[in-house]
N, C-alpha and C. Protein backbone atom coordinates (compact mmCIF):
# COMPACT_ATOMS: atom_id res chain seq x y z
N MET A 1 27.88 7.44 34.70
CA MET A 1 26.78 8.28 34.36
C MET A 1 26.85 8.83 33.23
N GLN A 2 27.92 9.35 32.51
CA GLN A 2 27.83 9.53 31.54
C GLN A 2 27.14 8.24 30.13
N LYS A 3 27.52 7.27 30.48
CA LYS A 3 27.41 5.95 30.00
C LYS A 3 25.85 5.10 30.01
N GLN A 4 25.56 6.08 31.46
CA GLN A 4 23.78 5.47 31.49
C GLN A 4 23.03 6.37 30.55
N LEU A 5 23.52 7.45 30.59
CA LEU A 5 22.72 8.48 29.66
C LEU A 5 22.83 8.13 28.69
N TRP A 6 23.86 7.52 27.57
CA TRP A 6 23.98 7.23 26.63
C TRP A 6 23.52 6.41 25.86
N VAL A 7 23.41 5.12 27.24
CA VAL A 7 22.31 4.11 27.01
C VAL A 7 20.77 4.36 26.81
N ILE A 8 20.22 5.01 28.08
CA ILE A 8 19.54 5.47 27.55
C ILE A 8 19.17 6.51 26.21
N LYS A 9 19.32 7.36 25.69
CA LYS A 9 19.20 8.08 24.33
C LYS A 9 18.97 6.79 23.26
N LEU A 10 20.32 5.75 23.47
CA LEU A 10 20.00 5.10 22.18
C LEU A 10 18.84 4.18 22.46
N ALA A 11 18.25 3.95 23.56
CA ALA A 11 17.01 3.12 23.50
C ALA A 11 15.74 4.09 23.09
N ILE A 12 15.93 5.32 23.79
CA ILE A 12 15.00 5.65 23.54
C ILE A 12 15.06 5.59 21.95
N LEU A 13 15.90 5.97 20.87
CA LEU A 13 16.16 6.48 19.90
C LEU A 13 15.81 4.86 18.99
N ALA A 14 16.12 3.31 19.39
CA ALA A 14 15.84 2.70 19.29
C ALA A 14 14.11 2.26 18.82
N VAL A 15 13.54 2.25 20.11
CA VAL A 15 11.93 2.54 20.14
C VAL A 15 11.58 3.74 19.19
N THR A 16 12.25 4.42 19.31
CA THR A 16 11.01 5.83 18.37
C THR A 16 11.21 5.04 16.50
N THR A 17 12.20 4.18 16.39
CA THR A 17 12.56 3.88 15.30
C THR A 17 11.51 2.85 14.84
N LEU A 18 11.23 2.09 15.57
CA LEU A 18 10.36 0.74 15.72
C LEU A 18 9.04 1.43 16.06
N VAL A 19 8.88 2.48 16.76
CA VAL A 19 7.07 2.75 16.83
C VAL A 19 7.16 3.38 14.53
N LEU A 20 7.74 4.44 14.62
CA LEU A 20 7.85 4.64 13.08
C LEU A 20 7.77 3.84 12.39
N ALA A 21 8.14 2.42 12.04
CA ALA A 21 8.64 2.17 11.15
C ALA A 21 7.25 1.32 11.33
N SER A 22 7.05 0.87 12.57
CA SER A 22 5.42 -0.09 12.58
C SER A 22 4.46 1.02 11.80
N CYS A 23 4.45 2.54 11.86
CA CYS A 23 3.54 2.97 11.49
C CYS A 23 3.62 3.41 9.32
N ALA A 24 4.70 3.00 9.18
CA ALA A 24 5.47 3.49 7.58
C ALA A 24 4.41 1.82 6.80
N THR A 25 4.18 0.99 7.15
CA THR A 25 4.12 -0.54 6.87
C THR A 25 3.07 -0.33 5.93
N VAL A 26 3.05 -0.85 5.04
CA VAL A 26 2.00 -0.94 3.47
C VAL A 26 2.18 -3.28 3.59
N SER A 27 0.82 -3.35 3.87
CA SER A 27 0.82 -4.53 3.70
C SER A 27 -0.30 -5.03 2.48
N THR A 28 0.42 -5.90 2.16
CA THR A 28 -0.20 -6.42 0.53
C THR A 28 -0.47 -7.86 0.63
N HIS A 29 -1.50 -7.96 -0.12
CA HIS A 29 -2.05 -9.67 0.10
C HIS A 29 -2.37 -10.06 -1.99
N TYR A 30 -2.39 -10.90 -2.34
CA TYR A 30 -2.64 -11.40 -3.47
C TYR A 30 -3.66 -12.92 -3.71
N ASP A 31 -4.10 -12.65 -4.93
CA ASP A 31 -4.44 -14.42 -4.78
C ASP A 31 -5.03 -14.42 -6.59
N TYR A 32 -5.06 -15.61 -7.06
CA TYR A 32 -4.84 -15.60 -8.11
C TYR A 32 -5.56 -17.18 -8.51
N ASP A 33 -6.39 -17.38 -9.66
CA ASP A 33 -6.81 -18.58 -10.06
C ASP A 33 -5.43 -19.64 -10.73
N ALA A 34 -5.68 -20.35 -10.07
CA ALA A 34 -4.09 -21.21 -10.29
C ALA A 34 -4.70 -22.29 -10.95
N THR A 35 -5.43 -22.16 -11.50
CA THR A 35 -5.87 -23.47 -12.80
C THR A 35 -5.51 -22.03 -14.26
N VAL A 36 -5.48 -21.00 -13.98
CA VAL A 36 -5.09 -20.28 -14.96
C VAL A 36 -3.75 -20.18 -15.75
N ASP A 37 -2.95 -20.50 -17.07
CA ASP A 37 -2.18 -20.41 -17.63
C ASP A 37 -1.46 -18.64 -18.30
N PHE A 38 -1.19 -18.16 -16.69
CA PHE A 38 -0.59 -17.49 -16.80
C PHE A 38 0.47 -16.73 -18.80
N SER A 39 1.33 -17.81 -18.33
CA SER A 39 1.84 -17.51 -19.75
C SER A 39 1.03 -17.41 -20.75
N ARG A 40 0.04 -17.80 -21.39
CA ARG A 40 0.07 -17.43 -22.32
C ARG A 40 -0.52 -15.52 -22.54
N TYR A 41 -1.10 -15.14 -21.77
CA TYR A 41 -1.38 -13.29 -21.80
C TYR A 41 0.56 -13.04 -22.36
N GLN A 42 -0.16 -11.83 -23.19
CA GLN A 42 0.97 -11.12 -24.10
C GLN A 42 0.79 -9.75 -23.97
N SER A 43 -0.45 -9.47 -23.33
CA SER A 43 -0.81 -7.96 -23.60
C SER A 43 -2.11 -7.44 -22.21
N PHE A 44 -2.05 -6.18 -21.93
CA PHE A 44 -2.81 -5.04 -21.08
C PHE A 44 -2.94 -4.53 -21.40
N SER A 45 -4.08 -4.10 -20.97
CA SER A 45 -4.84 -2.59 -21.05
C SER A 45 -5.36 -2.13 -20.05
N LEU A 46 -5.21 -1.38 -19.80
CA LEU A 46 -6.12 -0.42 -18.04
C LEU A 46 -7.82 -0.01 -18.20
N GLN A 47 -8.17 -0.25 -17.51
CA GLN A 47 -9.67 -0.29 -18.02
C GLN A 47 -9.43 1.54 -17.49
N LYS A 48 -10.57 2.41 -18.62
CA LYS A 48 -10.46 3.67 -18.79
C LYS A 48 -11.55 4.39 -16.94
N PRO A 49 -10.49 5.28 -16.52
CA PRO A 49 -11.41 5.69 -15.01
C PRO A 49 -12.44 6.55 -16.01
N ASP A 50 -13.48 6.84 -14.07
CA ASP A 50 -14.67 8.19 -15.41
C ASP A 50 -14.27 9.00 -15.61
N GLN A 51 -14.08 9.12 -16.09
CA GLN A 51 -14.03 10.50 -16.98
C GLN A 51 -14.69 11.90 -16.10
N GLU A 52 -15.52 11.85 -15.50
CA GLU A 52 -16.27 12.55 -14.88
C GLU A 52 -14.60 12.89 -13.24
N LYS A 53 -13.98 11.81 -13.01
CA LYS A 53 -13.40 12.34 -12.02
C LYS A 53 -12.07 12.61 -12.36
N ASN A 54 -11.03 13.76 -11.79
CA ASN A 54 -9.83 13.36 -12.05
C ASN A 54 -8.93 12.36 -11.14
N LEU A 55 -7.92 12.01 -11.78
CA LEU A 55 -7.29 11.36 -10.75
C LEU A 55 -6.05 12.14 -10.00
N SER A 56 -5.81 11.39 -9.31
CA SER A 56 -5.39 12.14 -7.50
C SER A 56 -4.05 12.21 -8.10
N LEU A 57 -3.12 12.43 -7.57
CA LEU A 57 -0.96 12.41 -7.81
C LEU A 57 -1.31 10.65 -7.33
N ASN A 58 -2.07 10.35 -6.20
CA ASN A 58 -2.04 8.61 -5.24
C ASN A 58 -1.91 7.74 -6.53
N GLU A 59 -3.21 8.10 -7.18
CA GLU A 59 -3.70 7.21 -8.57
C GLU A 59 -2.90 7.51 -9.79
N ALA A 60 -2.35 8.21 -10.11
CA ALA A 60 -1.69 8.65 -11.14
C ALA A 60 -0.37 7.39 -10.78
N ARG A 61 0.06 8.23 -9.54
CA ARG A 61 1.61 7.14 -9.55
C ARG A 61 1.24 5.42 -9.30
N ALA A 62 0.17 5.50 -8.42
CA ALA A 62 -0.46 3.78 -8.53
C ALA A 62 0.16 3.40 -9.65
N ILE A 63 -1.24 3.75 -11.15
CA ILE A 63 -0.73 3.27 -12.69
C ILE A 63 -0.07 3.22 -13.04
N GLU A 64 0.78 4.31 -12.84
CA GLU A 64 2.57 4.29 -13.74
C GLU A 64 3.39 3.17 -13.07
N ALA A 65 3.46 2.71 -11.30
CA ALA A 65 3.83 1.64 -11.17
C ALA A 65 3.13 0.73 -11.59
N ILE A 66 2.36 0.10 -11.88
CA ILE A 66 1.25 -1.56 -12.36
C ILE A 66 1.96 -1.11 -13.59
N LYS A 67 1.74 -0.28 -14.26
CA LYS A 67 2.22 -0.48 -15.31
C LYS A 67 3.84 -0.85 -15.84
N ARG A 68 4.50 -0.03 -14.84
CA ARG A 68 6.10 -0.76 -14.82
C ARG A 68 6.46 -2.62 -14.96
N ASN A 69 5.27 -2.77 -13.35
CA ASN A 69 5.66 -3.90 -13.28
C ASN A 69 4.90 -5.19 -14.57
N LEU A 70 3.96 -4.68 -14.97
CA LEU A 70 3.00 -5.49 -15.75
C LEU A 70 4.45 -5.53 -16.94
N LYS A 71 5.18 -4.76 -17.16
CA LYS A 71 6.25 -4.50 -18.94
C LYS A 71 7.06 -5.54 -18.21
N GLY A 72 7.15 -5.06 -16.73
CA GLY A 72 9.12 -6.32 -16.30
C GLY A 72 8.42 -7.72 -16.33
N LYS A 73 7.15 -8.05 -16.25
CA LYS A 73 6.69 -9.47 -16.17
C LYS A 73 6.54 -9.75 -17.37
N GLY A 74 6.78 -8.99 -19.05
CA GLY A 74 6.94 -9.29 -20.22
C GLY A 74 5.67 -8.73 -21.04
N LEU A 75 4.86 -8.75 -20.41
CA LEU A 75 3.21 -7.66 -20.79
C LEU A 75 3.84 -6.57 -21.66
N THR A 76 2.77 -6.43 -22.75
CA THR A 76 3.00 -5.17 -23.58
C THR A 76 1.39 -4.66 -23.38
N GLU A 77 1.47 -3.58 -23.35
CA GLU A 77 0.27 -1.79 -23.00
C GLU A 77 -0.50 -2.25 -25.04
N THR A 78 -1.70 -2.26 -24.63
CA THR A 78 -2.12 -2.19 -25.78
C THR A 78 -3.87 -1.56 -25.33
N SER A 79 -4.93 -1.52 -26.88
CA SER A 79 -6.12 -1.15 -26.25
C SER A 79 -6.92 -2.20 -25.67
N GLU A 80 -8.28 -1.66 -25.19
CA GLU A 80 -8.85 -2.80 -24.86
C GLU A 80 -9.38 -4.02 -25.85
N ALA A 81 -9.35 -3.71 -26.63
CA ALA A 81 -10.34 -4.83 -27.89
C ALA A 81 -9.15 -5.61 -27.89
N GLN A 82 -8.06 -5.17 -28.08
CA GLN A 82 -6.23 -6.30 -28.14
C GLN A 82 -5.62 -6.84 -26.80
N SER A 83 -6.42 -6.68 -25.79
CA SER A 83 -5.63 -6.68 -24.52
C SER A 83 -5.55 -8.42 -24.23
N GLY A 84 -4.84 -8.96 -23.80
CA GLY A 84 -4.89 -10.83 -23.10
C GLY A 84 -5.93 -10.30 -21.60
N LEU A 85 -5.42 -9.01 -21.02
CA LEU A 85 -5.73 -8.88 -19.28
C LEU A 85 -5.96 -7.24 -19.72
N GLN A 86 -6.93 -7.19 -18.54
CA GLN A 86 -8.29 -5.68 -18.55
C GLN A 86 -6.95 -5.33 -17.35
N VAL A 87 -6.89 -4.29 -16.74
CA VAL A 87 -6.34 -3.87 -15.76
C VAL A 87 -7.96 -3.01 -14.44
N HIS A 88 -7.67 -3.45 -13.36
CA HIS A 88 -9.02 -2.69 -13.01
C HIS A 88 -8.40 -2.10 -11.98
N ILE A 89 -8.53 -1.23 -11.22
CA ILE A 89 -7.60 -0.54 -10.58
C ILE A 89 -8.50 0.05 -9.87
N THR A 90 -9.07 -0.12 -8.00
CA THR A 90 -9.53 0.21 -7.59
C THR A 90 -8.95 0.94 -5.89
N ILE A 91 -9.38 2.27 -5.69
CA ILE A 91 -8.12 3.12 -4.76
C ILE A 91 -9.19 3.85 -3.85
N MET A 92 -9.32 3.33 -2.90
CA MET A 92 -9.89 4.05 -1.54
C MET A 92 -9.33 4.26 -0.53
N VAL A 93 -10.16 5.34 0.27
CA VAL A 93 -9.01 5.61 0.99
C VAL A 93 -10.03 6.19 2.75
N ASP A 94 -10.01 5.54 3.82
CA ASP A 94 -10.68 5.39 4.44
C ASP A 94 -10.28 6.38 6.19
N LYS A 95 -10.89 6.67 6.56
CA LYS A 95 -9.95 7.72 7.89
C LYS A 95 -10.39 6.87 8.92
N LYS A 96 -9.24 6.98 9.75
CA LYS A 96 -8.89 6.16 11.29
C LYS A 96 -8.61 7.26 11.83
N ILE A 97 -9.18 6.82 13.59
CA ILE A 97 -9.00 7.80 14.55
C ILE A 97 -7.99 6.52 15.91
N ASP A 98 -7.35 6.66 16.19
CA ASP A 98 -6.38 6.50 17.04
C ASP A 98 -6.31 7.40 18.62
N VAL A 99 -7.24 6.59 19.77
CA VAL A 99 -7.32 7.50 20.68
C VAL A 99 -5.90 6.63 22.33
N ASP A 100 -5.19 7.38 22.73
CA ASP A 100 -4.85 7.08 23.56
C ASP A 100 -4.56 7.85 24.72
N ARG A 101 -4.82 6.63 25.94
CA ARG A 101 -4.45 8.00 26.98
C ARG A 101 -3.74 6.90 27.85
N PHE A 102 -2.86 8.13 28.88
CA PHE A 102 -1.53 8.45 29.38
C PHE A 102 -2.87 8.90 31.10
N TYR A 103 -1.90 8.30 31.85
CA TYR A 103 -2.69 7.79 33.79
C TYR A 103 -1.60 8.49 34.24
N THR A 104 -1.39 9.22 35.19
CA THR A 104 -0.04 9.88 35.86
C THR A 104 -1.11 10.22 37.15
N ARG A 105 -0.09 9.23 38.46
CA ARG A 105 -1.08 9.81 39.70
C ARG A 105 0.45 10.16 40.80
N TYR A 106 -0.46 10.28 41.54
CA TYR A 106 0.54 10.69 42.59
C TYR A 106 0.04 10.72 44.49
N GLY A 107 1.00 10.31 44.77
CA GLY A 107 0.80 10.03 46.45
C GLY A 107 -0.39 8.69 46.67
N PHE A 108 -0.10 8.17 48.00
CA PHE A 108 -0.02 7.51 48.18
C PHE A 108 -2.12 6.46 48.34
N ARG A 109 -1.88 5.43 47.48
CA ARG A 109 -3.54 4.83 47.62
C ARG A 109 -4.16 6.10 46.62
N HIS A 110 -5.60 6.28 46.86
CA HIS A 110 -6.09 7.26 46.51
C HIS A 110 -5.99 8.97 45.90
N GLY A 111 -4.60 9.06 46.03
CA GLY A 111 -3.97 10.40 46.43
C GLY A 111 -4.61 11.30 45.22
N TRP A 112 -4.07 11.52 43.86
CA TRP A 112 -4.56 13.13 42.69
C TRP A 112 -3.68 12.23 41.94
N GLY A 113 -4.20 12.79 40.61
CA GLY A 113 -3.52 12.37 39.32
C GLY A 113 -4.34 13.52 38.03
N ASN A 114 -3.63 12.93 36.82
CA ASN A 114 -4.72 13.08 35.78
C ASN A 114 -5.12 12.51 34.92
N VAL A 115 -5.72 12.64 34.01
CA VAL A 115 -5.62 12.01 32.40
C VAL A 115 -5.13 12.80 31.64
N THR A 116 -4.40 12.70 30.54
CA THR A 116 -4.11 13.19 29.07
C THR A 116 -4.30 12.04 28.17
N THR A 117 -5.33 12.76 26.76
CA THR A 117 -5.75 12.11 26.19
C THR A 117 -4.94 12.71 24.84
N TYR A 118 -5.35 11.84 23.97
CA TYR A 118 -4.42 12.06 22.70
C TYR A 118 -5.11 11.30 21.23
N VAL A 119 -5.98 12.03 20.48
CA VAL A 119 -5.92 11.46 19.53
C VAL A 119 -5.82 12.36 18.54
N LYS A 120 -5.16 10.99 17.06
CA LYS A 120 -5.00 11.28 15.75
C LYS A 120 -6.01 10.41 14.82
N GLU A 121 -5.97 11.40 13.90
CA GLU A 121 -6.71 11.03 13.15
C GLU A 121 -5.85 11.10 12.01
N TYR A 122 -5.91 9.80 10.60
CA TYR A 122 -4.92 9.60 9.87
C TYR A 122 -5.42 9.03 8.51
N GLU A 123 -5.02 8.76 7.53
CA GLU A 123 -5.84 8.22 6.85
C GLU A 123 -5.27 6.47 5.68
N VAL A 124 -5.85 5.72 5.75
CA VAL A 124 -5.63 4.81 4.90
C VAL A 124 -5.58 4.40 3.64
N GLY A 125 -4.55 3.84 2.67
CA GLY A 125 -5.37 4.04 2.18
C GLY A 125 -4.99 2.42 1.38
N ASN A 126 -6.38 1.82 0.19
CA ASN A 126 -6.38 0.64 -0.35
C ASN A 126 -5.98 0.82 -1.65
N LEU A 127 -5.49 -0.18 -1.83
CA LEU A 127 -5.41 -0.16 -3.46
C LEU A 127 -5.71 -1.62 -4.23
N VAL A 128 -6.42 -1.81 -4.87
CA VAL A 128 -6.61 -2.87 -5.28
C VAL A 128 -6.89 -3.36 -6.85
N VAL A 129 -5.73 -4.27 -7.24
CA VAL A 129 -5.81 -3.95 -8.67
C VAL A 129 -6.10 -5.49 -8.85
N ASP A 130 -7.24 -5.38 -9.54
CA ASP A 130 -8.31 -6.76 -10.85
C ASP A 130 -7.54 -6.80 -11.74
N LEU A 131 -6.92 -8.05 -12.23
CA LEU A 131 -6.22 -8.38 -14.18
C LEU A 131 -7.33 -9.42 -14.23
N ILE A 132 -7.87 -8.85 -15.18
CA ILE A 132 -9.36 -9.85 -15.91
C ILE A 132 -9.04 -10.37 -17.45
N ASP A 133 -9.43 -11.47 -17.63
CA ASP A 133 -9.69 -11.98 -18.12
C ASP A 133 -11.15 -11.65 -19.16
N PRO A 134 -10.77 -10.94 -20.21
CA PRO A 134 -11.74 -10.23 -21.37
C PRO A 134 -12.82 -11.58 -21.57
N LYS A 135 -11.71 -12.37 -21.81
CA LYS A 135 -12.67 -13.62 -22.92
C LYS A 135 -13.55 -14.07 -21.87
N GLN A 136 -12.88 -14.50 -20.90
CA GLN A 136 -13.86 -15.82 -20.05
C GLN A 136 -14.69 -14.40 -18.94
N LYS A 137 -14.54 -13.27 -19.11
CA LYS A 137 -14.75 -12.22 -18.26
C LYS A 137 -14.95 -12.25 -16.55
N ARG A 138 -13.74 -13.10 -16.39
CA ARG A 138 -13.68 -13.04 -14.74
C ARG A 138 -12.35 -12.53 -14.26
N VAL A 139 -12.20 -12.24 -13.41
CA VAL A 139 -11.30 -12.05 -12.42
C VAL A 139 -10.11 -13.23 -12.21
N VAL A 140 -9.07 -13.59 -12.98
CA VAL A 140 -7.73 -14.49 -12.48
C VAL A 140 -7.08 -13.73 -11.89
N TRP A 141 -6.68 -12.59 -11.74
CA TRP A 141 -5.24 -12.08 -10.50
C TRP A 141 -6.41 -10.99 -9.55
N ARG A 142 -5.75 -11.07 -8.33
CA ARG A 142 -6.47 -9.72 -7.55
C ARG A 142 -5.24 -9.72 -6.57
N GLY A 143 -4.78 -8.22 -6.65
CA GLY A 143 -3.91 -8.06 -5.52
C GLY A 143 -3.97 -6.89 -4.51
N THR A 144 -4.20 -6.84 -3.57
CA THR A 144 -4.48 -5.19 -2.12
C THR A 144 -3.20 -5.17 -1.72
N ALA A 145 -3.18 -3.22 -1.38
CA ALA A 145 -2.01 -3.05 -0.81
C ALA A 145 -3.24 -1.80 0.09
N LYS A 146 -2.49 -2.52 1.09
CA LYS A 146 -2.87 -1.54 2.04
C LYS A 146 -2.31 -0.31 3.34
N GLY A 147 -2.10 0.82 3.46
CA GLY A 147 -1.22 1.12 4.71
C GLY A 147 -2.03 2.92 4.40
N ASN A 148 -0.93 4.14 4.94
CA ASN A 148 -0.43 5.24 5.22
C ASN A 148 0.28 5.68 4.66
N PHE A 149 -0.57 6.14 3.19
CA PHE A 149 0.20 6.25 1.61
C PHE A 149 0.06 7.98 1.86
N ALA A 150 -0.93 8.86 3.01
CA ALA A 150 -0.82 10.02 2.75
C ALA A 150 -0.15 10.70 3.68
N LYS A 151 0.73 10.18 4.41
CA LYS A 151 1.50 11.34 5.04
C LYS A 151 2.98 10.95 4.90
N SER A 152 3.68 10.98 3.32
CA SER A 152 4.85 11.28 2.91
C SER A 152 5.53 12.57 3.35
N PRO A 153 7.11 12.38 3.46
CA PRO A 153 7.07 14.26 3.68
C PRO A 153 6.96 15.03 2.32
N THR A 154 7.80 14.22 1.49
CA THR A 154 7.98 14.42 -0.27
C THR A 154 7.02 13.73 -0.56
N PRO A 155 7.26 14.62 -1.71
CA PRO A 155 6.23 13.41 -3.58
C PRO A 155 7.32 12.57 -3.63
N GLU A 156 8.43 12.55 -3.55
CA GLU A 156 9.69 11.69 -3.80
C GLU A 156 9.23 10.27 -3.10
N GLN A 157 9.43 10.93 -1.92
CA GLN A 157 9.01 9.59 -0.77
C GLN A 157 7.48 8.86 -1.11
N GLN A 158 6.43 10.13 -1.10
CA GLN A 158 5.18 9.42 -1.74
C GLN A 158 5.44 8.14 -2.70
N THR A 159 6.29 8.86 -4.04
CA THR A 159 6.09 7.67 -5.16
C THR A 159 7.14 6.42 -4.64
N GLU A 160 7.71 6.91 -4.06
CA GLU A 160 8.98 5.57 -3.70
C GLU A 160 7.40 4.34 -2.71
N ARG A 161 7.17 5.43 -1.82
CA ARG A 161 6.07 4.12 -0.50
C ARG A 161 5.50 3.24 -2.25
N ILE A 162 4.65 4.54 -2.84
CA ILE A 162 3.57 3.95 -3.86
C ILE A 162 4.43 2.37 -4.57
N ASP A 163 5.29 2.85 -5.22
CA ASP A 163 6.38 1.66 -5.76
C ASP A 163 6.77 0.82 -5.29
N GLN A 164 6.93 1.07 -3.97
CA GLN A 164 7.68 -0.50 -2.91
C GLN A 164 6.00 -1.28 -2.77
N ALA A 165 5.26 -0.79 -2.80
CA ALA A 165 4.24 -1.67 -1.96
C ALA A 165 3.12 -1.69 -3.34
N VAL A 166 3.21 -1.25 -4.74
CA VAL A 166 2.83 -2.05 -5.88
C VAL A 166 3.92 -3.14 -6.49
N ASP A 167 5.90 -3.04 -6.03
CA ASP A 167 6.56 -4.22 -6.32
C ASP A 167 6.26 -4.83 -6.07
N THR A 168 6.44 -5.16 -3.98
CA THR A 168 5.74 -6.20 -3.54
C THR A 168 4.72 -6.80 -4.03
N LEU A 169 3.45 -6.47 -4.05
CA LEU A 169 1.74 -6.93 -4.70
C LEU A 169 2.53 -7.57 -5.97
N PHE A 170 3.49 -7.61 -6.90
CA PHE A 170 3.38 -8.39 -7.87
C PHE A 170 4.75 -9.06 -8.11
N ALA A 171 5.71 -9.15 -6.99
CA ALA A 171 6.62 -10.04 -7.06
C ALA A 171 6.25 -11.61 -6.90
N GLU A 172 5.48 -11.63 -6.59
CA GLU A 172 4.63 -13.13 -6.39
C GLU A 172 3.67 -13.30 -7.53
N PHE A 173 3.77 -12.36 -8.34
CA PHE A 173 2.60 -12.98 -9.69
C PHE A 173 3.20 -14.39 -10.38
N PRO A 174 2.30 -15.02 -10.47
CA PRO A 174 2.32 -16.38 -10.87
C PRO A 174 2.98 -16.95 -11.63
N SER A 175 3.77 -16.46 -12.37
CA SER A 175 5.26 -16.56 -13.87
C SER A 175 5.09 -15.76 -14.45
N LYS A 176 6.69 -15.48 -15.33
CA LYS A 176 6.98 -14.61 -15.54
C LYS A 176 5.86 -14.85 -17.76
N ILE A 177 6.10 -14.04 -17.93
CA ILE A 177 5.16 -14.57 -19.80
C ILE A 177 6.29 -14.82 -20.13
N SER A 178 6.09 -15.69 -21.46
CA SER A 178 7.03 -16.33 -21.82
C SER A 178 6.92 -15.17 -23.28
N GLN A 179 8.38 -15.33 -23.82
CA GLN A 179 8.12 -14.10 -24.57
C GLN A 179 8.58 -14.79 -26.05
């Protein structure tokens, strides 16, 4: 009897872990112009955000993670006039709703029962990073990350989630910049 309870508890723990992990996933995608020689880029600049708008904490975290990744690829941050690549960042938040219904029936055939409905509202963040060649005036690389960034329990965990998403986004950057 004790062994059966232990197995049931272990199974519930495993299912709960899988459900929580699936809620925490961040999907990333990137695309780039394969004809561009990325080794010729030596510097980058961030396009100035709208002066009227204050940066959110998550936007500031994303900007720092992007800077860290680009510097890790050998690029240096410069002014817009001198940059080889301009970085344009777009952050959007969409509200989503999940509705789950659970039916419970008692008795034979038509019997009786009830329906329990759970409604969950959550936010999905979308981060789009465009690397623009200012001389050609076109996007040469685009990366997107999508996930539920808004519900991390602590600021440290929130920063870690955004860092991981941006790190994954830049992991397959076309080439290391030659030094």
